Amino acid sequence: MKIALMQEFSQAAKNPVVLEQLQTVAAAQGHQVFNVGMDGDNDHRLTYIHLGICAALLLNARAVDFVVAGCGTGQGALMSLNAWPGVYCGYCIEPTDAFLFAQVNNGNALSLPLAKGYGWGAEINIRYIFEKAFAGERGQGYPAERRESQMTNAGILAQVKQGASKDFIAGLKSIDPALVKQAVGGARFQQAFFDNAQDAEIVAYVKDVLGQ
């Protein structure tokens, strides 16, 4: 699995801690991590609005399989990611949230609160979250006897979201182009995207935004 980690400006200083925990878990489970958000206060500036755009581009272009996002409360990133088609983001405070989201909802993104409730032992909680989020086979249901109905409802939700959403690129073109240009302006985002994206139309759109 390819996993992208992204944080916005208010929590950029915590990126090394979160990245270390994610890489530790990912290495043990055979996953690959791309650190595409802010890495420190002086990095390419992103808000939680930009995180949604970044996540949507990476997931819809199939450059990554999963996104871990974070902001102060986790709520802004959650709303921003879920605003886009093809992104199914859950809110995760502790490891049980991660396990149940993986088994019941089987989404492709998590949003973590990285200021609210972030205290002593926070890095341990984050590591356990990642262990539960990425270990084993996803979508197995919980409890097991409810698997069929949970999988059915997840499929229905995907249909509802697709029906309620604009065409992805049309949606991108309908917002302020400066937002998209800032979102895709980071060097690490561009490397992860262009090295792995599988949708030629989305790749062409991003190149056009960047003037390439």
N, C-alpha and C. Protein backbone atom coordinates (compact mmCIF):
# COMPACT_ATOMS: atom_id res chain seq x y z
N MET A 1 0.84 -1.19 0.00
CA MET A 1 0.00 0.00 0.00
C MET A 1 0.88 1.24 0.00
N LYS A 2 0.50 2.24 -0.79
CA LYS A 2 1.18 3.54 -0.80
C LYS A 2 0.37 4.50 0.07
N ILE A 3 1.03 5.10 1.07
CA ILE A 3 0.37 5.96 2.04
C ILE A 3 1.00 7.35 1.99
N ALA A 4 0.15 8.37 1.84
CA ALA A 4 0.64 9.75 1.87
C ALA A 4 0.33 10.38 3.23
N LEU A 5 1.31 11.06 3.80
CA LEU A 5 1.13 11.80 5.04
C LEU A 5 1.14 13.28 4.72
N MET A 6 0.16 14.03 5.25
CA MET A 6 0.12 15.47 5.00
C MET A 6 -0.40 16.22 6.21
N GLN A 7 0.31 17.29 6.55
CA GLN A 7 -0.09 18.18 7.64
C GLN A 7 -0.04 19.62 7.16
N GLU A 8 -0.90 20.47 7.79
CA GLU A 8 -0.94 21.87 7.39
C GLU A 8 -0.07 22.71 8.33
N PHE A 9 -0.11 24.04 8.13
CA PHE A 9 0.88 24.91 8.76
C PHE A 9 0.84 24.89 10.28
N SER A 10 -0.34 24.78 10.88
CA SER A 10 -0.41 24.91 12.34
C SER A 10 0.23 23.73 13.06
N GLN A 11 0.33 22.58 12.38
CA GLN A 11 0.89 21.38 13.00
C GLN A 11 2.13 20.88 12.27
N ALA A 12 2.74 21.76 11.47
CA ALA A 12 3.89 21.35 10.67
C ALA A 12 5.06 20.90 11.53
N ALA A 13 5.22 21.50 12.70
CA ALA A 13 6.35 21.16 13.55
C ALA A 13 6.27 19.73 14.08
N LYS A 14 5.06 19.15 14.08
CA LYS A 14 4.90 17.78 14.57
C LYS A 14 5.14 16.74 13.48
N ASN A 15 5.39 17.18 12.27
CA ASN A 15 5.54 16.24 11.16
C ASN A 15 6.60 15.18 11.41
N PRO A 16 7.79 15.51 11.91
CA PRO A 16 8.80 14.46 12.12
C PRO A 16 8.35 13.37 13.09
N VAL A 17 7.60 13.75 14.12
CA VAL A 17 7.12 12.76 15.10
C VAL A 17 6.11 11.83 14.46
N VAL A 18 5.13 12.42 13.76
CA VAL A 18 4.09 11.61 13.12
C VAL A 18 4.69 10.74 12.02
N LEU A 19 5.59 11.32 11.24
CA LEU A 19 6.23 10.58 10.16
C LEU A 19 7.01 9.38 10.69
N GLU A 20 7.73 9.57 11.78
CA GLU A 20 8.51 8.48 12.36
C GLU A 20 7.60 7.30 12.76
N GLN A 21 6.48 7.62 13.40
CA GLN A 21 5.56 6.56 13.81
C GLN A 21 4.96 5.85 12.60
N LEU A 22 4.57 6.62 11.59
CA LEU A 22 3.97 6.02 10.39
C LEU A 22 4.99 5.16 9.64
N GLN A 23 6.20 5.64 9.50
CA GLN A 23 7.23 4.87 8.80
C GLN A 23 7.57 3.59 9.55
N THR A 24 7.59 3.65 10.86
CA THR A 24 7.89 2.46 11.66
C THR A 24 6.84 1.38 11.42
N VAL A 25 5.57 1.77 11.48
CA VAL A 25 4.48 0.82 11.26
C VAL A 25 4.46 0.35 9.81
N ALA A 26 4.63 1.28 8.88
CA ALA A 26 4.57 0.93 7.46
C ALA A 26 5.68 -0.03 7.07
N ALA A 27 6.87 0.18 7.58
CA ALA A 27 7.99 -0.70 7.26
C ALA A 27 7.72 -2.12 7.73
N ALA A 28 7.14 -2.25 8.91
CA ALA A 28 6.86 -3.58 9.46
C ALA A 28 5.77 -4.29 8.67
N GLN A 29 4.89 -3.53 8.04
CA GLN A 29 3.76 -4.12 7.32
C GLN A 29 3.96 -4.13 5.80
N GLY A 30 5.08 -3.61 5.33
CA GLY A 30 5.38 -3.64 3.90
C GLY A 30 4.74 -2.54 3.10
N HIS A 31 4.39 -1.42 3.74
CA HIS A 31 3.79 -0.29 3.05
C HIS A 31 4.85 0.77 2.74
N GLN A 32 4.53 1.66 1.80
CA GLN A 32 5.42 2.75 1.41
C GLN A 32 4.81 4.08 1.82
N VAL A 33 5.62 4.98 2.35
CA VAL A 33 5.12 6.26 2.86
C VAL A 33 5.68 7.42 2.05
N PHE A 34 4.81 8.37 1.72
CA PHE A 34 5.21 9.61 1.05
C PHE A 34 4.84 10.77 1.96
N ASN A 35 5.82 11.55 2.34
CA ASN A 35 5.60 12.70 3.22
C ASN A 35 5.38 13.93 2.35
N VAL A 36 4.12 14.26 2.05
CA VAL A 36 3.83 15.27 1.02
C VAL A 36 3.33 16.59 1.57
N GLY A 37 3.05 16.65 2.88
CA GLY A 37 2.57 17.90 3.47
C GLY A 37 3.73 18.73 4.00
N MET A 38 3.45 19.55 5.00
CA MET A 38 4.48 20.43 5.54
C MET A 38 5.39 19.68 6.51
N ASP A 39 6.67 19.91 6.35
CA ASP A 39 7.68 19.32 7.23
C ASP A 39 8.43 20.47 7.90
N GLY A 40 7.82 21.04 8.93
CA GLY A 40 8.41 22.18 9.62
C GLY A 40 7.76 23.48 9.21
N ASP A 41 7.93 24.50 10.04
CA ASP A 41 7.21 25.76 9.85
C ASP A 41 7.63 26.52 8.61
N ASN A 42 8.81 26.28 8.09
CA ASN A 42 9.30 27.05 6.94
C ASN A 42 9.11 26.33 5.61
N ASP A 43 8.38 25.25 5.62
CA ASP A 43 8.14 24.49 4.40
C ASP A 43 7.06 25.16 3.55
N HIS A 44 6.85 24.64 2.35
CA HIS A 44 5.80 25.13 1.44
C HIS A 44 4.47 25.17 2.19
N ARG A 45 3.83 26.33 2.29
CA ARG A 45 2.70 26.53 3.20
C ARG A 45 1.41 25.90 2.66
N LEU A 46 0.76 25.15 3.54
CA LEU A 46 -0.52 24.52 3.23
C LEU A 46 -1.49 24.76 4.38
N THR A 47 -2.75 24.99 4.03
CA THR A 47 -3.83 25.01 5.02
C THR A 47 -4.60 23.70 4.88
N TYR A 48 -5.60 23.50 5.76
CA TYR A 48 -6.38 22.28 5.62
C TYR A 48 -7.19 22.26 4.33
N ILE A 49 -7.45 23.44 3.76
CA ILE A 49 -8.12 23.50 2.44
C ILE A 49 -7.23 22.84 1.39
N HIS A 50 -5.96 23.17 1.42
CA HIS A 50 -5.02 22.58 0.45
C HIS A 50 -4.88 21.07 0.65
N LEU A 51 -4.97 20.61 1.91
CA LEU A 51 -4.85 19.17 2.15
C LEU A 51 -5.92 18.39 1.41
N GLY A 52 -7.13 18.93 1.37
CA GLY A 52 -8.21 18.25 0.65
C GLY A 52 -7.90 18.11 -0.83
N ILE A 53 -7.37 19.18 -1.41
CA ILE A 53 -7.02 19.15 -2.84
C ILE A 53 -5.90 18.15 -3.09
N CYS A 54 -4.87 18.20 -2.25
CA CYS A 54 -3.75 17.27 -2.40
C CYS A 54 -4.22 15.82 -2.30
N ALA A 55 -5.02 15.54 -1.28
CA ALA A 55 -5.50 14.17 -1.08
C ALA A 55 -6.34 13.70 -2.25
N ALA A 56 -7.23 14.57 -2.73
CA ALA A 56 -8.11 14.19 -3.85
C ALA A 56 -7.31 13.90 -5.11
N LEU A 57 -6.30 14.71 -5.38
CA LEU A 57 -5.47 14.48 -6.56
C LEU A 57 -4.72 13.16 -6.45
N LEU A 58 -4.11 12.92 -5.31
CA LEU A 58 -3.34 11.69 -5.13
C LEU A 58 -4.21 10.45 -5.22
N LEU A 59 -5.38 10.49 -4.59
CA LEU A 59 -6.25 9.31 -4.56
C LEU A 59 -6.95 9.07 -5.90
N ASN A 60 -7.46 10.14 -6.50
CA ASN A 60 -8.18 9.96 -7.76
C ASN A 60 -7.25 9.61 -8.91
N ALA A 61 -6.00 10.05 -8.83
CA ALA A 61 -5.01 9.69 -9.86
C ALA A 61 -4.36 8.34 -9.56
N ARG A 62 -4.74 7.73 -8.43
CA ARG A 62 -4.20 6.44 -7.99
C ARG A 62 -2.68 6.49 -7.80
N ALA A 63 -2.21 7.67 -7.36
CA ALA A 63 -0.79 7.79 -7.01
C ALA A 63 -0.53 7.16 -5.65
N VAL A 64 -1.52 7.20 -4.77
CA VAL A 64 -1.44 6.53 -3.47
C VAL A 64 -2.75 5.80 -3.22
N ASP A 65 -2.71 4.93 -2.23
CA ASP A 65 -3.90 4.16 -1.87
C ASP A 65 -4.61 4.72 -0.64
N PHE A 66 -3.86 5.48 0.16
CA PHE A 66 -4.42 5.95 1.44
C PHE A 66 -3.73 7.25 1.81
N VAL A 67 -4.49 8.12 2.48
CA VAL A 67 -3.97 9.40 2.94
C VAL A 67 -4.17 9.53 4.44
N VAL A 68 -3.13 9.96 5.14
CA VAL A 68 -3.23 10.34 6.55
C VAL A 68 -3.03 11.85 6.61
N ALA A 69 -4.06 12.55 7.06
CA ALA A 69 -4.01 14.01 7.15
C ALA A 69 -4.14 14.43 8.60
N GLY A 70 -3.75 15.67 8.88
CA GLY A 70 -3.87 16.15 10.24
C GLY A 70 -3.89 17.66 10.30
N CYS A 71 -4.64 18.18 11.27
CA CYS A 71 -4.64 19.61 11.58
C CYS A 71 -4.86 19.73 13.09
N GLY A 72 -5.11 20.92 13.58
CA GLY A 72 -5.21 21.11 15.01
C GLY A 72 -6.27 20.26 15.67
N THR A 73 -7.51 20.38 15.20
CA THR A 73 -8.61 19.57 15.75
C THR A 73 -8.85 18.31 14.94
N GLY A 74 -8.35 18.26 13.72
CA GLY A 74 -8.67 17.17 12.80
C GLY A 74 -9.95 17.38 12.05
N GLN A 75 -10.78 18.32 12.50
CA GLN A 75 -12.09 18.52 11.88
C GLN A 75 -11.99 19.24 10.54
N GLY A 76 -11.11 20.25 10.46
CA GLY A 76 -10.96 20.97 9.19
C GLY A 76 -10.46 20.07 8.08
N ALA A 77 -9.43 19.28 8.38
CA ALA A 77 -8.92 18.35 7.37
C ALA A 77 -9.98 17.33 6.99
N LEU A 78 -10.74 16.85 7.97
CA LEU A 78 -11.82 15.89 7.70
C LEU A 78 -12.81 16.46 6.69
N MET A 79 -13.28 17.68 6.95
CA MET A 79 -14.27 18.29 6.05
C MET A 79 -13.68 18.58 4.68
N SER A 80 -12.44 19.06 4.66
CA SER A 80 -11.80 19.40 3.40
C SER A 80 -11.60 18.17 2.53
N LEU A 81 -11.13 17.08 3.11
CA LEU A 81 -10.93 15.86 2.32
C LEU A 81 -12.26 15.30 1.83
N ASN A 82 -13.26 15.28 2.70
CA ASN A 82 -14.55 14.68 2.31
C ASN A 82 -15.34 15.53 1.33
N ALA A 83 -14.87 16.76 1.08
CA ALA A 83 -15.55 17.61 0.10
C ALA A 83 -15.36 17.10 -1.33
N TRP A 84 -14.38 16.22 -1.53
CA TRP A 84 -14.00 15.82 -2.89
C TRP A 84 -14.48 14.42 -3.23
N PRO A 85 -14.82 14.18 -4.51
CA PRO A 85 -15.19 12.83 -4.94
C PRO A 85 -14.01 11.88 -4.81
N GLY A 86 -14.31 10.63 -4.53
CA GLY A 86 -13.27 9.61 -4.45
C GLY A 86 -12.50 9.59 -3.16
N VAL A 87 -12.85 10.46 -2.20
CA VAL A 87 -12.15 10.52 -0.92
C VAL A 87 -13.15 10.17 0.18
N TYR A 88 -12.80 9.19 1.01
CA TYR A 88 -13.66 8.73 2.10
C TYR A 88 -12.83 8.78 3.37
N CYS A 89 -12.96 9.89 4.10
CA CYS A 89 -12.09 10.18 5.22
C CYS A 89 -12.81 9.98 6.55
N GLY A 90 -12.16 9.30 7.48
CA GLY A 90 -12.68 9.11 8.81
C GLY A 90 -11.92 9.95 9.82
N TYR A 91 -12.56 10.20 10.95
CA TYR A 91 -11.97 10.99 12.04
C TYR A 91 -11.43 10.03 13.08
N CYS A 92 -10.18 10.21 13.45
CA CYS A 92 -9.53 9.20 14.28
C CYS A 92 -8.82 9.85 15.47
N ILE A 93 -9.32 9.53 16.68
CA ILE A 93 -8.72 10.04 17.90
C ILE A 93 -7.86 8.99 18.59
N GLU A 94 -8.31 7.74 18.54
CA GLU A 94 -7.57 6.68 19.22
C GLU A 94 -7.66 5.39 18.40
N PRO A 95 -6.89 4.35 18.76
CA PRO A 95 -6.75 3.17 17.91
C PRO A 95 -8.06 2.46 17.57
N THR A 96 -9.03 2.45 18.49
CA THR A 96 -10.30 1.80 18.17
C THR A 96 -10.98 2.46 16.98
N ASP A 97 -10.88 3.79 16.88
CA ASP A 97 -11.44 4.51 15.73
C ASP A 97 -10.81 3.99 14.43
N ALA A 98 -9.50 3.82 14.46
CA ALA A 98 -8.80 3.36 13.25
C ALA A 98 -9.22 1.96 12.86
N PHE A 99 -9.32 1.07 13.84
CA PHE A 99 -9.71 -0.31 13.57
C PHE A 99 -11.13 -0.37 13.00
N LEU A 100 -12.06 0.31 13.65
CA LEU A 100 -13.46 0.24 13.21
C LEU A 100 -13.66 0.91 11.86
N PHE A 101 -12.94 2.01 11.62
CA PHE A 101 -13.05 2.66 10.31
C PHE A 101 -12.55 1.73 9.22
N ALA A 102 -11.44 1.04 9.47
CA ALA A 102 -10.89 0.12 8.47
C ALA A 102 -11.83 -1.05 8.21
N GLN A 103 -12.44 -1.58 9.25
CA GLN A 103 -13.26 -2.78 9.10
C GLN A 103 -14.70 -2.48 8.69
N VAL A 104 -15.28 -1.41 9.21
CA VAL A 104 -16.69 -1.11 8.94
C VAL A 104 -16.85 -0.23 7.71
N ASN A 105 -16.06 0.83 7.63
CA ASN A 105 -16.24 1.82 6.56
C ASN A 105 -15.29 1.62 5.39
N ASN A 106 -14.11 1.06 5.66
CA ASN A 106 -13.13 0.75 4.62
C ASN A 106 -12.86 1.94 3.71
N GLY A 107 -12.64 3.12 4.35
CA GLY A 107 -12.35 4.31 3.58
C GLY A 107 -10.90 4.38 3.16
N ASN A 108 -10.50 5.53 2.61
CA ASN A 108 -9.14 5.66 2.09
C ASN A 108 -8.37 6.84 2.66
N ALA A 109 -8.86 7.40 3.76
CA ALA A 109 -8.16 8.52 4.38
C ALA A 109 -8.56 8.62 5.85
N LEU A 110 -7.64 9.14 6.64
CA LEU A 110 -7.90 9.43 8.06
C LEU A 110 -7.49 10.86 8.35
N SER A 111 -8.24 11.51 9.24
CA SER A 111 -7.86 12.82 9.74
C SER A 111 -7.63 12.72 11.24
N LEU A 112 -6.45 13.21 11.69
CA LEU A 112 -6.07 13.12 13.09
C LEU A 112 -6.02 14.50 13.73
N PRO A 113 -6.49 14.63 14.97
CA PRO A 113 -6.28 15.88 15.72
C PRO A 113 -4.85 15.91 16.25
N LEU A 114 -4.10 16.94 15.91
CA LEU A 114 -2.69 16.98 16.28
C LEU A 114 -2.37 18.11 17.25
N ALA A 115 -3.40 18.81 17.74
CA ALA A 115 -3.23 19.79 18.81
C ALA A 115 -4.16 19.45 19.96
N LYS A 116 -5.44 19.31 19.68
CA LYS A 116 -6.42 18.97 20.70
C LYS A 116 -6.15 17.56 21.23
N GLY A 117 -5.90 17.45 22.53
CA GLY A 117 -5.66 16.15 23.13
C GLY A 117 -4.29 15.59 22.86
N TYR A 118 -3.41 16.38 22.27
CA TYR A 118 -2.06 15.90 21.95
C TYR A 118 -1.14 16.22 23.13
N GLY A 119 -0.88 15.23 23.94
CA GLY A 119 -0.08 15.46 25.15
C GLY A 119 0.91 14.35 25.39
N TRP A 120 1.13 14.06 26.64
CA TRP A 120 2.10 13.04 27.05
C TRP A 120 1.71 11.69 26.47
N GLY A 121 2.64 11.03 25.78
CA GLY A 121 2.37 9.75 25.16
C GLY A 121 1.66 9.83 23.83
N ALA A 122 1.56 11.04 23.25
CA ALA A 122 0.83 11.20 21.99
C ALA A 122 1.43 10.35 20.87
N GLU A 123 2.76 10.26 20.86
CA GLU A 123 3.39 9.49 19.78
C GLU A 123 3.07 8.00 19.89
N ILE A 124 2.85 7.52 21.12
CA ILE A 124 2.47 6.12 21.30
C ILE A 124 1.06 5.89 20.77
N ASN A 125 0.15 6.81 21.08
CA ASN A 125 -1.22 6.71 20.58
C ASN A 125 -1.24 6.73 19.06
N ILE A 126 -0.44 7.60 18.47
CA ILE A 126 -0.39 7.69 17.01
C ILE A 126 0.13 6.40 16.40
N ARG A 127 1.17 5.83 17.01
CA ARG A 127 1.70 4.57 16.47
C ARG A 127 0.65 3.47 16.54
N TYR A 128 -0.07 3.38 17.64
CA TYR A 128 -1.11 2.36 17.77
C TYR A 128 -2.25 2.61 16.78
N ILE A 129 -2.57 3.87 16.52
CA ILE A 129 -3.57 4.19 15.50
C ILE A 129 -3.14 3.62 14.15
N PHE A 130 -1.89 3.86 13.79
CA PHE A 130 -1.41 3.38 12.50
C PHE A 130 -1.38 1.85 12.45
N GLU A 131 -1.03 1.23 13.55
CA GLU A 131 -1.04 -0.23 13.56
C GLU A 131 -2.42 -0.79 13.30
N LYS A 132 -3.43 -0.21 13.91
CA LYS A 132 -4.80 -0.68 13.72
C LYS A 132 -5.36 -0.28 12.36
N ALA A 133 -4.90 0.85 11.83
CA ALA A 133 -5.42 1.32 10.55
C ALA A 133 -4.94 0.48 9.37
N PHE A 134 -3.71 -0.04 9.46
CA PHE A 134 -3.10 -0.67 8.29
C PHE A 134 -2.79 -2.14 8.43
N ALA A 135 -3.06 -2.73 9.58
CA ALA A 135 -2.77 -4.15 9.76
C ALA A 135 -3.89 -5.01 9.21
N GLY A 136 -3.53 -6.12 8.58
CA GLY A 136 -4.51 -7.12 8.16
C GLY A 136 -5.38 -6.67 7.00
N GLU A 137 -6.39 -7.47 6.73
CA GLU A 137 -7.30 -7.22 5.62
C GLU A 137 -8.39 -6.27 6.06
N ARG A 138 -8.65 -5.27 5.22
CA ARG A 138 -9.65 -4.26 5.54
C ARG A 138 -11.05 -4.72 5.12
N GLY A 139 -12.07 -4.05 5.63
CA GLY A 139 -13.44 -4.30 5.22
C GLY A 139 -14.00 -5.63 5.66
N GLN A 140 -13.50 -6.17 6.77
CA GLN A 140 -13.98 -7.47 7.24
C GLN A 140 -15.22 -7.37 8.12
N GLY A 141 -15.62 -6.14 8.44
CA GLY A 141 -16.82 -5.95 9.25
C GLY A 141 -16.56 -6.11 10.73
N TYR A 142 -17.37 -5.42 11.53
CA TYR A 142 -17.31 -5.59 12.98
C TYR A 142 -18.67 -5.19 13.57
N PRO A 143 -19.27 -6.10 14.35
CA PRO A 143 -18.86 -7.50 14.52
C PRO A 143 -18.99 -8.27 13.22
N ALA A 144 -18.37 -9.44 13.16
CA ALA A 144 -18.25 -10.18 11.91
C ALA A 144 -19.59 -10.47 11.26
N GLU A 145 -20.62 -10.70 12.06
CA GLU A 145 -21.93 -11.05 11.49
C GLU A 145 -22.60 -9.87 10.78
N ARG A 146 -22.05 -8.67 10.94
CA ARG A 146 -22.62 -7.50 10.27
C ARG A 146 -21.85 -7.12 9.02
N ARG A 147 -20.89 -7.96 8.63
CA ARG A 147 -20.03 -7.62 7.50
C ARG A 147 -20.84 -7.34 6.23
N GLU A 148 -21.79 -8.21 5.92
CA GLU A 148 -22.52 -8.06 4.65
C GLU A 148 -23.25 -6.73 4.57
N SER A 149 -23.97 -6.38 5.62
CA SER A 149 -24.72 -5.12 5.59
C SER A 149 -23.78 -3.92 5.58
N GLN A 150 -22.66 -4.01 6.28
CA GLN A 150 -21.71 -2.91 6.29
C GLN A 150 -21.06 -2.71 4.93
N MET A 151 -20.72 -3.79 4.25
CA MET A 151 -20.15 -3.68 2.91
C MET A 151 -21.17 -3.11 1.94
N THR A 152 -22.43 -3.53 2.08
CA THR A 152 -23.50 -3.01 1.22
C THR A 152 -23.65 -1.52 1.40
N ASN A 153 -23.68 -1.08 2.66
CA ASN A 153 -23.86 0.35 2.93
C ASN A 153 -22.67 1.17 2.46
N ALA A 154 -21.46 0.63 2.58
CA ALA A 154 -20.29 1.34 2.09
C ALA A 154 -20.38 1.52 0.57
N GLY A 155 -20.87 0.51 -0.12
CA GLY A 155 -21.05 0.62 -1.56
C GLY A 155 -22.12 1.63 -1.94
N ILE A 156 -23.21 1.66 -1.17
CA ILE A 156 -24.27 2.63 -1.42
C ILE A 156 -23.75 4.05 -1.21
N LEU A 157 -22.98 4.25 -0.13
CA LEU A 157 -22.42 5.57 0.13
C LEU A 157 -21.53 6.03 -1.01
N ALA A 158 -20.73 5.13 -1.57
CA ALA A 158 -19.88 5.48 -2.70
C ALA A 158 -20.71 5.92 -3.89
N GLN A 159 -21.84 5.25 -4.14
CA GLN A 159 -22.73 5.64 -5.23
C GLN A 159 -23.36 7.00 -4.98
N VAL A 160 -23.78 7.23 -3.73
CA VAL A 160 -24.38 8.51 -3.37
C VAL A 160 -23.37 9.65 -3.57
N LYS A 161 -22.14 9.43 -3.10
CA LYS A 161 -21.12 10.48 -3.22
C LYS A 161 -20.80 10.75 -4.68
N GLN A 162 -20.70 9.70 -5.47
CA GLN A 162 -20.42 9.89 -6.89
C GLN A 162 -21.54 10.67 -7.56
N GLY A 163 -22.79 10.34 -7.20
CA GLY A 163 -23.93 11.04 -7.81
C GLY A 163 -24.03 12.49 -7.38
N ALA A 164 -23.62 12.78 -6.15
CA ALA A 164 -23.72 14.13 -5.62
C ALA A 164 -22.54 15.01 -5.99
N SER A 165 -21.49 14.42 -6.58
CA SER A 165 -20.27 15.16 -6.87
C SER A 165 -20.21 15.60 -8.33
N LYS A 166 -19.51 16.69 -8.56
CA LYS A 166 -19.16 17.08 -9.91
C LYS A 166 -18.10 16.13 -10.46
N ASP A 167 -17.93 16.17 -11.77
CA ASP A 167 -16.74 15.54 -12.35
C ASP A 167 -15.52 16.12 -11.64
N PHE A 168 -14.54 15.27 -11.33
CA PHE A 168 -13.43 15.70 -10.49
C PHE A 168 -12.68 16.89 -11.07
N ILE A 169 -12.26 16.79 -12.31
CA ILE A 169 -11.49 17.88 -12.90
C ILE A 169 -12.37 19.12 -13.09
N ALA A 170 -13.63 18.94 -13.44
CA ALA A 170 -14.55 20.08 -13.54
C ALA A 170 -14.67 20.79 -12.20
N GLY A 171 -14.71 20.00 -11.12
CA GLY A 171 -14.76 20.58 -9.79
C GLY A 171 -13.52 21.38 -9.47
N LEU A 172 -12.36 20.85 -9.82
CA LEU A 172 -11.11 21.57 -9.59
C LEU A 172 -11.08 22.88 -10.37
N LYS A 173 -11.59 22.84 -11.59
CA LYS A 173 -11.56 24.04 -12.43
C LYS A 173 -12.57 25.09 -11.96
N SER A 174 -13.53 24.69 -11.13
CA SER A 174 -14.56 25.63 -10.68
C SER A 174 -14.15 26.42 -9.44
N ILE A 175 -13.04 26.06 -8.80
CA ILE A 175 -12.60 26.79 -7.61
C ILE A 175 -11.47 27.74 -7.97
N ASP A 176 -11.07 28.57 -7.04
CA ASP A 176 -9.99 29.53 -7.25
C ASP A 176 -8.72 28.78 -7.69
N PRO A 177 -8.21 29.06 -8.89
CA PRO A 177 -7.03 28.32 -9.36
C PRO A 177 -5.80 28.52 -8.48
N ALA A 178 -5.77 29.62 -7.74
CA ALA A 178 -4.63 29.85 -6.84
C ALA A 178 -4.59 28.80 -5.73
N LEU A 179 -5.76 28.32 -5.31
CA LEU A 179 -5.80 27.27 -4.29
C LEU A 179 -5.15 26.00 -4.79
N VAL A 180 -5.48 25.62 -6.02
CA VAL A 180 -4.91 24.39 -6.58
C VAL A 180 -3.41 24.55 -6.81
N LYS A 181 -3.01 25.70 -7.33
CA LYS A 181 -1.59 25.92 -7.61
C LYS A 181 -0.77 25.85 -6.33
N GLN A 182 -1.28 26.43 -5.24
CA GLN A 182 -0.57 26.36 -3.98
C GLN A 182 -0.54 24.93 -3.45
N ALA A 183 -1.65 24.21 -3.60
CA ALA A 183 -1.72 22.83 -3.10
C ALA A 183 -0.70 21.93 -3.76
N VAL A 184 -0.48 22.11 -5.05
CA VAL A 184 0.41 21.21 -5.80
C VAL A 184 1.82 21.76 -5.92
N GLY A 185 2.11 22.87 -5.24
CA GLY A 185 3.40 23.53 -5.42
C GLY A 185 4.56 22.92 -4.68
N GLY A 186 4.32 22.03 -3.72
CA GLY A 186 5.40 21.45 -2.95
C GLY A 186 6.19 20.42 -3.73
N ALA A 187 7.49 20.41 -3.54
CA ALA A 187 8.36 19.50 -4.29
C ALA A 187 8.08 18.05 -3.95
N ARG A 188 7.85 17.74 -2.67
CA ARG A 188 7.61 16.35 -2.29
C ARG A 188 6.25 15.86 -2.78
N PHE A 189 5.27 16.74 -2.79
CA PHE A 189 3.98 16.36 -3.38
C PHE A 189 4.17 16.04 -4.86
N GLN A 190 4.84 16.91 -5.58
CA GLN A 190 5.01 16.71 -7.02
C GLN A 190 5.75 15.41 -7.32
N GLN A 191 6.76 15.11 -6.54
CA GLN A 191 7.50 13.86 -6.79
C GLN A 191 6.60 12.65 -6.58
N ALA A 192 5.87 12.63 -5.46
CA ALA A 192 4.98 11.49 -5.19
C ALA A 192 3.90 11.39 -6.26
N PHE A 193 3.36 12.52 -6.67
CA PHE A 193 2.28 12.52 -7.65
C PHE A 193 2.78 12.07 -9.03
N PHE A 194 3.77 12.74 -9.55
CA PHE A 194 4.21 12.45 -10.92
C PHE A 194 4.89 11.09 -11.05
N ASP A 195 5.52 10.62 -9.99
CA ASP A 195 6.17 9.30 -10.05
C ASP A 195 5.16 8.16 -10.01
N ASN A 196 3.97 8.42 -9.48
CA ASN A 196 3.04 7.31 -9.22
C ASN A 196 1.65 7.45 -9.82
N ALA A 197 1.27 8.64 -10.26
CA ALA A 197 -0.09 8.85 -10.78
C ALA A 197 -0.35 7.99 -12.01
N GLN A 198 -1.56 7.44 -12.08
CA GLN A 198 -1.92 6.53 -13.16
C GLN A 198 -3.04 7.06 -14.05
N ASP A 199 -3.52 8.26 -13.79
CA ASP A 199 -4.60 8.85 -14.58
C ASP A 199 -4.02 9.97 -15.44
N ALA A 200 -3.97 9.74 -16.74
CA ALA A 200 -3.30 10.69 -17.64
C ALA A 200 -4.00 12.04 -17.66
N GLU A 201 -5.33 12.04 -17.56
CA GLU A 201 -6.07 13.30 -17.61
C GLU A 201 -5.77 14.17 -16.39
N ILE A 202 -5.70 13.55 -15.22
CA ILE A 202 -5.39 14.30 -14.01
C ILE A 202 -3.95 14.78 -14.04
N VAL A 203 -3.04 13.94 -14.51
CA VAL A 203 -1.63 14.36 -14.64
C VAL A 203 -1.52 15.56 -15.56
N ALA A 204 -2.21 15.52 -16.68
CA ALA A 204 -2.16 16.64 -17.62
C ALA A 204 -2.71 17.92 -16.99
N TYR A 205 -3.77 17.79 -16.19
CA TYR A 205 -4.35 18.94 -15.52
C TYR A 205 -3.33 19.56 -14.56
N VAL A 206 -2.67 18.74 -13.75
CA VAL A 206 -1.71 19.27 -12.78
C VAL A 206 -0.54 19.92 -13.49
N LYS A 207 -0.06 19.30 -14.56
CA LYS A 207 1.04 19.92 -15.33
C LYS A 207 0.63 21.28 -15.88
N ASP A 208 -0.62 21.39 -16.32
CA ASP A 208 -1.12 22.66 -16.83
C ASP A 208 -1.17 23.72 -15.72
N VAL A 209 -1.61 23.30 -14.54
CA VAL A 209 -1.65 24.22 -13.40
C VAL A 209 -0.24 24.73 -13.08
N LEU A 210 0.75 23.85 -13.18
CA LEU A 210 2.12 24.21 -12.86
C LEU A 210 2.86 24.87 -14.03
N GLY A 211 2.19 24.96 -15.18
CA GLY A 211 2.80 25.59 -16.34
C GLY A 211 3.88 24.73 -16.98
N GLN A 212 3.72 23.41 -16.85
CA GLN A 212 4.71 22.49 -17.42
C GLN A 212 4.30 22.01 -18.81
